Amino acid sequence: MINMNTVSDTVKRFVDATFEGRGFWGLTKGDEWVICDSAQFENADVLPLWSSESAAREHCVEEWEEYEVAMIPLEDFFEIWLNELNQDGVLIGCDWQLSLDGEEIDAMELAKLYQA
């Protein structure tokens, strides 16, 4: 069981908002999703996700201006995305700011928070 006391307020708010909204928002162009280098961990990739469509849409600028905002329903995250993200070692960027920094969390650890 994950200790909720060790989870940042940003991640807690992200989990609450995405649970209530039943999904995440990411940036996609066809089958390609935005994946970035981790700012916190060497040799790690991050899938930035947002708890609202509007927050994700703010990031459709500059190198991502051709990307569109798309929702990943929670059910799809658990059934389709989670194992692949875990196998590939891709972290989740929770509600990143326009400066492309913020909380990064392991996908399996994030999944556990929905059951806490």
N, C-alpha and C. Protein backbone atom coordinates (compact mmCIF):
# COMPACT_ATOMS: atom_id res chain seq x y z
N MET A 1 0.85 -1.19 0.00
CA MET A 1 0.00 0.00 0.00
C MET A 1 0.89 1.24 0.00
N ILE A 2 0.55 2.20 -0.81
CA ILE A 2 1.32 3.43 -0.91
C ILE A 2 0.97 4.36 0.26
N ASN A 3 1.96 5.03 0.77
CA ASN A 3 1.76 5.98 1.86
C ASN A 3 1.36 7.33 1.28
N MET A 4 0.11 7.72 1.48
CA MET A 4 -0.39 8.98 0.92
C MET A 4 0.32 10.18 1.52
N ASN A 5 0.95 10.02 2.68
CA ASN A 5 1.67 11.13 3.30
C ASN A 5 2.93 11.49 2.54
N THR A 6 3.45 10.56 1.74
CA THR A 6 4.67 10.83 0.99
C THR A 6 4.39 11.36 -0.42
N VAL A 7 3.12 11.46 -0.78
CA VAL A 7 2.73 11.92 -2.11
C VAL A 7 2.54 13.43 -2.08
N SER A 8 3.06 14.11 -3.10
CA SER A 8 2.96 15.58 -3.13
C SER A 8 1.51 16.02 -3.30
N ASP A 9 1.24 17.25 -2.91
CA ASP A 9 -0.10 17.82 -3.07
C ASP A 9 -0.49 17.89 -4.54
N THR A 10 0.48 18.17 -5.40
CA THR A 10 0.21 18.23 -6.84
C THR A 10 -0.31 16.90 -7.36
N VAL A 11 0.34 15.82 -6.96
CA VAL A 11 -0.07 14.49 -7.40
C VAL A 11 -1.42 14.13 -6.80
N LYS A 12 -1.64 14.47 -5.54
CA LYS A 12 -2.94 14.20 -4.91
C LYS A 12 -4.06 14.92 -5.67
N ARG A 13 -3.85 16.20 -5.98
CA ARG A 13 -4.87 16.96 -6.73
C ARG A 13 -5.09 16.36 -8.11
N PHE A 14 -4.01 15.93 -8.75
CA PHE A 14 -4.09 15.30 -10.07
C PHE A 14 -4.94 14.03 -10.01
N VAL A 15 -4.68 13.20 -9.03
CA VAL A 15 -5.43 11.95 -8.87
C VAL A 15 -6.90 12.25 -8.60
N ASP A 16 -7.16 13.16 -7.69
CA ASP A 16 -8.55 13.51 -7.38
C ASP A 16 -9.29 14.03 -8.61
N ALA A 17 -8.66 14.94 -9.35
CA ALA A 17 -9.30 15.54 -10.52
C ALA A 17 -9.50 14.53 -11.64
N THR A 18 -8.53 13.66 -11.87
CA THR A 18 -8.66 12.69 -12.96
C THR A 18 -9.61 11.56 -12.57
N PHE A 19 -9.71 11.26 -11.29
CA PHE A 19 -10.69 10.27 -10.84
C PHE A 19 -12.10 10.83 -11.05
N GLU A 20 -12.28 12.07 -10.66
CA GLU A 20 -13.59 12.71 -10.82
C GLU A 20 -13.95 12.89 -12.30
N GLY A 21 -12.96 13.27 -13.11
CA GLY A 21 -13.18 13.47 -14.54
C GLY A 21 -13.11 12.19 -15.35
N ARG A 22 -12.73 11.09 -14.68
CA ARG A 22 -12.65 9.75 -15.27
C ARG A 22 -11.59 9.60 -16.36
N GLY A 23 -10.55 10.46 -16.32
CA GLY A 23 -9.48 10.28 -17.28
C GLY A 23 -8.46 11.39 -17.27
N PHE A 24 -7.48 11.23 -18.15
CA PHE A 24 -6.38 12.18 -18.30
C PHE A 24 -6.48 12.83 -19.67
N TRP A 25 -5.74 13.92 -19.84
CA TRP A 25 -5.65 14.59 -21.14
C TRP A 25 -4.19 14.63 -21.55
N GLY A 26 -3.92 14.21 -22.78
CA GLY A 26 -2.57 14.23 -23.31
C GLY A 26 -2.56 14.87 -24.68
N LEU A 27 -1.38 14.94 -25.27
CA LEU A 27 -1.22 15.54 -26.59
C LEU A 27 -0.84 14.46 -27.59
N THR A 28 -1.55 14.42 -28.70
CA THR A 28 -1.34 13.38 -29.69
C THR A 28 -1.38 13.96 -31.10
N LYS A 29 -0.66 13.29 -31.97
CA LYS A 29 -0.69 13.59 -33.41
C LYS A 29 -0.76 12.22 -34.08
N GLY A 30 -1.97 11.83 -34.50
CA GLY A 30 -2.16 10.48 -35.02
C GLY A 30 -1.98 9.48 -33.91
N ASP A 31 -1.08 8.52 -34.11
CA ASP A 31 -0.79 7.51 -33.09
C ASP A 31 0.36 7.93 -32.17
N GLU A 32 0.92 9.09 -32.40
CA GLU A 32 2.08 9.56 -31.65
C GLU A 32 1.64 10.44 -30.48
N TRP A 33 2.13 10.12 -29.30
CA TRP A 33 1.85 10.91 -28.10
C TRP A 33 3.11 11.65 -27.69
N VAL A 34 2.96 12.81 -27.10
CA VAL A 34 4.11 13.57 -26.62
C VAL A 34 4.79 12.79 -25.50
N ILE A 35 6.07 12.54 -25.68
CA ILE A 35 6.92 11.91 -24.67
C ILE A 35 8.15 12.80 -24.55
N CYS A 36 8.56 13.11 -23.33
CA CYS A 36 9.70 14.00 -23.07
C CYS A 36 10.77 13.29 -22.26
N ASP A 37 11.96 13.86 -22.28
CA ASP A 37 13.00 13.40 -21.37
C ASP A 37 12.66 13.83 -19.96
N SER A 38 12.94 12.99 -19.02
CA SER A 38 12.71 13.32 -17.62
C SER A 38 13.69 14.40 -17.17
N ALA A 39 13.18 15.34 -16.38
CA ALA A 39 14.04 16.36 -15.78
C ALA A 39 14.60 15.87 -14.45
N GLN A 40 14.01 14.80 -13.90
CA GLN A 40 14.39 14.32 -12.58
C GLN A 40 15.23 13.05 -12.59
N PHE A 41 15.07 12.25 -13.65
CA PHE A 41 15.74 10.95 -13.68
C PHE A 41 16.49 10.77 -14.99
N GLU A 42 17.75 10.40 -14.89
CA GLU A 42 18.58 10.20 -16.07
C GLU A 42 18.08 8.99 -16.87
N ASN A 43 18.09 9.11 -18.17
CA ASN A 43 17.69 8.03 -19.08
C ASN A 43 16.25 7.57 -18.88
N ALA A 44 15.36 8.49 -18.53
CA ALA A 44 13.95 8.14 -18.36
C ALA A 44 13.11 9.06 -19.24
N ASP A 45 12.00 8.52 -19.71
CA ASP A 45 11.05 9.29 -20.50
C ASP A 45 9.80 9.55 -19.67
N VAL A 46 9.09 10.62 -20.04
CA VAL A 46 7.89 11.02 -19.31
C VAL A 46 6.76 11.27 -20.30
N LEU A 47 5.60 10.76 -19.98
CA LEU A 47 4.38 11.05 -20.72
C LEU A 47 3.66 12.14 -19.92
N PRO A 48 3.67 13.39 -20.40
CA PRO A 48 2.95 14.42 -19.66
C PRO A 48 1.45 14.27 -19.85
N LEU A 49 0.73 14.31 -18.74
CA LEU A 49 -0.73 14.23 -18.75
C LEU A 49 -1.29 15.32 -17.86
N TRP A 50 -2.49 15.77 -18.21
CA TRP A 50 -3.12 16.85 -17.47
C TRP A 50 -4.49 16.41 -17.00
N SER A 51 -4.95 17.04 -15.94
CA SER A 51 -6.25 16.68 -15.36
C SER A 51 -7.40 17.42 -16.02
N SER A 52 -7.09 18.36 -16.91
CA SER A 52 -8.16 19.07 -17.62
C SER A 52 -7.78 19.27 -19.08
N GLU A 53 -8.79 19.33 -19.91
CA GLU A 53 -8.57 19.56 -21.34
C GLU A 53 -7.93 20.93 -21.56
N SER A 54 -8.38 21.93 -20.83
CA SER A 54 -7.85 23.28 -21.04
C SER A 54 -6.37 23.37 -20.67
N ALA A 55 -5.96 22.70 -19.60
CA ALA A 55 -4.55 22.71 -19.21
C ALA A 55 -3.69 22.03 -20.28
N ALA A 56 -4.19 20.93 -20.82
CA ALA A 56 -3.45 20.25 -21.89
C ALA A 56 -3.37 21.13 -23.14
N ARG A 57 -4.48 21.78 -23.48
CA ARG A 57 -4.54 22.62 -24.69
C ARG A 57 -3.53 23.77 -24.63
N GLU A 58 -3.25 24.29 -23.44
CA GLU A 58 -2.27 25.37 -23.29
C GLU A 58 -0.89 24.96 -23.81
N HIS A 59 -0.63 23.67 -23.86
CA HIS A 59 0.68 23.17 -24.28
C HIS A 59 0.79 22.90 -25.78
N CYS A 60 -0.27 23.14 -26.51
CA CYS A 60 -0.25 22.95 -27.97
C CYS A 60 0.36 24.18 -28.64
N VAL A 61 1.59 24.46 -28.31
CA VAL A 61 2.32 25.60 -28.85
C VAL A 61 3.72 25.15 -29.26
N GLU A 62 4.38 26.00 -30.03
CA GLU A 62 5.75 25.77 -30.49
C GLU A 62 5.91 24.37 -31.08
N GLU A 63 6.79 23.54 -30.53
CA GLU A 63 7.03 22.24 -31.15
C GLU A 63 5.83 21.30 -31.06
N TRP A 64 4.86 21.64 -30.25
CA TRP A 64 3.66 20.81 -30.11
C TRP A 64 2.43 21.46 -30.71
N GLU A 65 2.60 22.49 -31.51
CA GLU A 65 1.44 23.20 -32.06
C GLU A 65 0.61 22.34 -33.01
N GLU A 66 1.20 21.31 -33.59
CA GLU A 66 0.47 20.43 -34.50
C GLU A 66 -0.23 19.28 -33.77
N TYR A 67 -0.02 19.20 -32.48
CA TYR A 67 -0.65 18.14 -31.69
C TYR A 67 -2.05 18.56 -31.27
N GLU A 68 -2.87 17.55 -31.01
CA GLU A 68 -4.24 17.77 -30.55
C GLU A 68 -4.39 17.21 -29.15
N VAL A 69 -5.35 17.73 -28.44
CA VAL A 69 -5.65 17.25 -27.10
C VAL A 69 -6.57 16.03 -27.21
N ALA A 70 -6.25 14.99 -26.46
CA ALA A 70 -7.07 13.78 -26.47
C ALA A 70 -7.18 13.24 -25.05
N MET A 71 -8.33 12.67 -24.77
CA MET A 71 -8.56 12.09 -23.45
C MET A 71 -8.19 10.61 -23.45
N ILE A 72 -7.59 10.20 -22.35
CA ILE A 72 -7.34 8.79 -22.08
C ILE A 72 -8.25 8.42 -20.91
N PRO A 73 -9.32 7.70 -21.16
CA PRO A 73 -10.21 7.30 -20.06
C PRO A 73 -9.45 6.44 -19.05
N LEU A 74 -9.81 6.57 -17.78
CA LEU A 74 -9.14 5.78 -16.74
C LEU A 74 -9.17 4.30 -17.04
N GLU A 75 -10.29 3.81 -17.56
CA GLU A 75 -10.40 2.38 -17.87
C GLU A 75 -9.34 1.97 -18.89
N ASP A 76 -9.14 2.79 -19.91
CA ASP A 76 -8.12 2.51 -20.92
C ASP A 76 -6.72 2.57 -20.33
N PHE A 77 -6.49 3.52 -19.43
CA PHE A 77 -5.19 3.63 -18.79
C PHE A 77 -4.85 2.33 -18.07
N PHE A 78 -5.80 1.81 -17.32
CA PHE A 78 -5.55 0.59 -16.55
C PHE A 78 -5.48 -0.65 -17.45
N GLU A 79 -6.35 -0.73 -18.45
CA GLU A 79 -6.43 -1.94 -19.28
C GLU A 79 -5.41 -1.97 -20.42
N ILE A 80 -5.04 -0.82 -20.96
CA ILE A 80 -4.21 -0.78 -22.17
C ILE A 80 -2.84 -0.15 -21.92
N TRP A 81 -2.81 0.99 -21.27
CA TRP A 81 -1.59 1.79 -21.16
C TRP A 81 -0.64 1.35 -20.06
N LEU A 82 -1.17 1.00 -18.92
CA LEU A 82 -0.36 0.82 -17.72
C LEU A 82 0.78 -0.18 -17.87
N ASN A 83 0.50 -1.36 -18.36
CA ASN A 83 1.55 -2.37 -18.49
C ASN A 83 2.63 -1.94 -19.47
N GLU A 84 2.23 -1.33 -20.58
CA GLU A 84 3.23 -0.89 -21.57
C GLU A 84 4.11 0.24 -21.01
N LEU A 85 3.49 1.20 -20.33
CA LEU A 85 4.27 2.27 -19.71
C LEU A 85 5.24 1.70 -18.69
N ASN A 86 4.78 0.75 -17.90
CA ASN A 86 5.62 0.12 -16.89
C ASN A 86 6.77 -0.65 -17.53
N GLN A 87 6.49 -1.43 -18.56
CA GLN A 87 7.53 -2.20 -19.25
C GLN A 87 8.58 -1.30 -19.88
N ASP A 88 8.12 -0.16 -20.43
CA ASP A 88 9.04 0.77 -21.09
C ASP A 88 9.70 1.73 -20.12
N GLY A 89 9.29 1.72 -18.86
CA GLY A 89 9.87 2.61 -17.86
C GLY A 89 9.50 4.07 -18.05
N VAL A 90 8.35 4.31 -18.66
CA VAL A 90 7.90 5.68 -18.91
C VAL A 90 7.15 6.20 -17.68
N LEU A 91 7.58 7.35 -17.21
CA LEU A 91 6.96 8.00 -16.07
C LEU A 91 5.77 8.84 -16.52
N ILE A 92 4.96 9.26 -15.57
CA ILE A 92 3.84 10.15 -15.86
C ILE A 92 4.18 11.53 -15.30
N GLY A 93 4.04 12.55 -16.15
CA GLY A 93 4.19 13.94 -15.73
C GLY A 93 2.82 14.47 -15.37
N CYS A 94 2.62 14.80 -14.11
CA CYS A 94 1.29 15.20 -13.61
C CYS A 94 1.10 16.71 -13.68
N ASP A 95 0.17 17.13 -14.52
CA ASP A 95 -0.19 18.55 -14.63
C ASP A 95 1.02 19.47 -14.75
N TRP A 96 1.89 19.17 -15.72
CA TRP A 96 3.07 20.00 -15.94
C TRP A 96 2.69 21.43 -16.28
N GLN A 97 3.55 22.33 -15.88
CA GLN A 97 3.40 23.75 -16.19
C GLN A 97 3.89 24.02 -17.61
N LEU A 98 3.67 25.24 -18.10
CA LEU A 98 4.14 25.60 -19.44
C LEU A 98 5.65 25.52 -19.56
N SER A 99 6.36 25.62 -18.45
CA SER A 99 7.82 25.50 -18.46
C SER A 99 8.27 24.04 -18.60
N LEU A 100 7.28 23.13 -18.73
CA LEU A 100 7.52 21.69 -18.90
C LEU A 100 8.27 21.08 -17.73
N ASP A 101 7.88 21.51 -16.56
CA ASP A 101 8.42 20.86 -15.38
C ASP A 101 7.28 20.60 -14.41
N GLY A 102 7.54 19.74 -13.48
CA GLY A 102 6.53 19.39 -12.51
C GLY A 102 6.78 18.00 -11.98
N GLU A 103 5.78 17.45 -11.37
CA GLU A 103 5.88 16.14 -10.75
C GLU A 103 5.99 15.03 -11.80
N GLU A 104 6.86 14.07 -11.51
CA GLU A 104 6.99 12.87 -12.33
C GLU A 104 6.81 11.68 -11.40
N ILE A 105 6.00 10.72 -11.83
CA ILE A 105 5.70 9.57 -10.97
C ILE A 105 5.67 8.31 -11.83
N ASP A 106 6.13 7.22 -11.26
CA ASP A 106 6.08 5.93 -11.91
C ASP A 106 4.62 5.56 -12.18
N ALA A 107 4.34 5.01 -13.35
CA ALA A 107 2.97 4.69 -13.75
C ALA A 107 2.30 3.73 -12.77
N MET A 108 3.03 2.74 -12.29
CA MET A 108 2.44 1.77 -11.34
C MET A 108 2.15 2.43 -9.99
N GLU A 109 3.03 3.34 -9.57
CA GLU A 109 2.79 4.06 -8.33
C GLU A 109 1.56 4.96 -8.46
N LEU A 110 1.42 5.58 -9.62
CA LEU A 110 0.23 6.40 -9.88
C LEU A 110 -1.02 5.53 -9.83
N ALA A 111 -0.98 4.38 -10.45
CA ALA A 111 -2.13 3.47 -10.47
C ALA A 111 -2.55 3.09 -9.05
N LYS A 112 -1.58 2.87 -8.17
CA LYS A 112 -1.88 2.49 -6.79
C LYS A 112 -2.64 3.60 -6.06
N LEU A 113 -2.42 4.84 -6.44
CA LEU A 113 -3.08 5.96 -5.77
C LEU A 113 -4.58 5.96 -6.00
N TYR A 114 -5.02 5.36 -7.09
CA TYR A 114 -6.47 5.30 -7.36
C TYR A 114 -7.14 4.24 -6.49
N GLN A 115 -6.35 3.40 -5.88
CA GLN A 115 -6.89 2.35 -5.01
C GLN A 115 -6.67 2.67 -3.54
N ALA A 116 -5.96 3.76 -3.27
CA ALA A 116 -5.65 4.13 -1.87
C ALA A 116 -6.84 4.73 -1.18
